């Protein structure tokens, strides 16, 4: 059995915001409230995307009509998993119990040291 670091991304919708910065702060706050204290071992931050044309990185947030879609990066360590696929299923299951209606996608699974 091995230990793995699993990185998931979540699509978080924030309504009635004036700016992308407000949307990011609200998304982080709301996600943190759902995760704590039960899942405080899950690290949450705003994700980044790469521009297809120039390769520059930018924050994963899109705002239209005072509604934002914020891409959150969720990272957790999974202990004693049989494989990287098993670790990904465990992470999605644990986080998915709290984020019931939030889409989750596995971005990366690496073996922990």
Protein backbone atom coordinates (compact mmCIF):
# COMPACT_ATOMS: atom_id res chain seq x y z
CA UNK A 1 0.00 0.00 0.00
CA UNK A 2 1.23 3.46 -0.90
CA UNK A 3 0.42 7.05 -0.02
CA UNK A 4 -0.66 9.51 -2.71
CA UNK A 5 -1.26 13.24 -3.11
CA UNK A 6 -4.47 13.79 -5.06
CA UNK A 7 -5.35 17.10 -6.73
CA UNK A 8 -8.98 17.70 -7.69
CA UNK A 9 -10.62 20.69 -9.29
CA UNK A 10 -14.10 21.89 -8.42
CA UNK A 11 -16.42 24.25 -10.29
CA UNK A 12 -17.82 26.69 -7.71
CA UNK A 13 -20.61 29.13 -8.63
CA UNK A 14 -20.84 32.46 -6.79
CA UNK A 15 -23.81 34.76 -7.35
CA UNK A 16 -24.27 38.51 -6.79
CA UNK A 17 -20.62 39.57 -6.93
CA UNK A 18 -19.13 42.82 -8.18
CA UNK A 19 -15.65 41.58 -9.08
CA UNK A 20 -13.60 38.47 -9.72
CA UNK A 21 -11.61 39.12 -6.55
CA UNK A 22 -14.81 39.09 -4.48
CA UNK A 23 -15.89 35.86 -6.18
CA UNK A 24 -12.58 34.16 -5.35
CA UNK A 25 -12.76 35.24 -1.70
CA UNK A 26 -16.37 34.09 -1.35
CA UNK A 27 -15.69 30.73 -3.03
CA UNK A 28 -12.71 30.04 -0.76
CA UNK A 29 -14.71 31.04 2.31
CA UNK A 30 -17.75 28.91 1.42
CA UNK A 31 -15.61 25.87 0.56
CA UNK A 32 -13.61 26.28 3.76
CA UNK A 33 -16.79 26.38 5.85
CA UNK A 34 -17.99 23.12 4.33
CA UNK A 35 -14.65 21.39 4.83
CA UNK A 36 -13.92 22.51 8.39
CA UNK A 37 -13.62 21.02 10.94
CA UNK A 38 -14.38 17.56 9.53
CA UNK A 39 -12.05 17.72 6.51
CA UNK A 40 -9.54 20.34 7.55
CA UNK A 41 -6.75 18.25 5.99
CA UNK A 42 -7.98 19.21 2.49
CA UNK A 43 -6.09 22.22 1.12
CA UNK A 44 -8.19 24.66 -0.92
CA UNK A 45 -7.01 27.42 -3.24
CA UNK A 46 -8.13 29.11 -6.42
CA UNK A 47 -6.91 27.16 -9.41
CA UNK A 48 -4.95 28.50 -12.36
CA UNK A 49 -5.30 28.05 -16.10
CA UNK A 50 -2.82 28.50 -18.91
CA UNK A 51 -3.61 30.71 -21.89
CA UNK A 52 -3.67 28.58 -25.05
CA UNK A 53 -2.19 31.39 -27.14
CA UNK A 54 0.59 32.81 -24.97
CA UNK A 55 1.06 30.24 -22.20
CA UNK A 56 0.64 32.78 -19.38
CA UNK A 57 -1.06 31.56 -16.21
CA UNK A 58 -4.15 33.30 -14.82
CA UNK A 59 -6.62 32.71 -12.01
CA UNK A 60 -9.44 30.31 -12.81
CA UNK A 61 -12.41 32.66 -12.46
CA UNK A 62 -14.96 33.85 -15.02
CA UNK A 63 -17.55 36.53 -14.20
CA UNK A 64 -20.61 37.48 -16.25
CA UNK A 65 -23.73 39.36 -15.09
CA UNK A 66 -22.61 39.40 -11.44
CA UNK A 67 -22.26 35.60 -11.42
CA UNK A 68 -18.88 33.88 -11.28
CA UNK A 69 -17.58 30.42 -11.95
CA UNK A 70 -14.50 29.86 -9.79
CA UNK A 71 -12.20 26.89 -10.34
CA UNK A 72 -10.98 25.62 -6.97
CA UNK A 73 -7.97 23.34 -6.51
CA UNK A 74 -8.48 20.80 -3.72
CA UNK A 75 -5.52 18.74 -2.56
CA UNK A 76 -5.51 15.90 -0.07
CA UNK A 77 -3.19 13.11 0.93
CA UNK A 78 -4.59 9.59 0.67
CA UNK A 79 -2.93 6.92 2.81
CA UNK A 80 -2.67 3.19 2.07
CA UNK A 81 -4.20 3.16 -1.40
CA UNK A 82 -3.65 0.24 -3.75
CA UNK A 83 -2.99 2.40 -6.83
CA UNK A 84 -3.25 5.95 -8.12
CA UNK A 85 -6.75 5.19 -9.46
CA UNK A 86 -7.80 3.88 -6.05
CA UNK A 87 -6.42 7.03 -4.39
CA UNK A 88 -8.36 9.23 -6.84
CA UNK A 89 -11.61 7.36 -6.10
CA UNK A 90 -11.03 7.72 -2.35
CA UNK A 91 -10.38 11.48 -2.64
CA UNK A 92 -13.45 12.05 -4.84
CA UNK A 93 -15.57 10.05 -2.43
CA UNK A 94 -14.38 11.87 0.70
CA UNK A 95 -14.62 15.37 -0.77
CA UNK A 96 -17.76 14.53 -2.77
CA UNK A 97 -19.67 13.72 0.42
CA UNK A 98 -19.27 17.35 1.49
CA UNK A 99 -19.50 18.95 -1.97
CA UNK A 100 -22.67 17.11 -3.01
CA UNK A 101 -23.73 19.20 -6.03
CA UNK A 102 -20.28 20.51 -6.97
CA UNK A 103 -18.61 18.94 -10.04
CA UNK A 104 -15.21 17.40 -9.21
CA UNK A 105 -12.48 16.28 -11.59
CA UNK A 106 -9.19 14.51 -10.84
CA UNK A 107 -6.33 16.66 -12.12
CA UNK A 108 -3.26 14.88 -10.78
CA UNK A 109 -2.27 11.93 -8.61
CA UNK A 110 1.31 11.57 -7.44
CA UNK A 111 2.93 9.13 -5.09
CA UNK A 112 3.83 10.77 -1.78
CA UNK A 113 7.23 10.31 -0.20
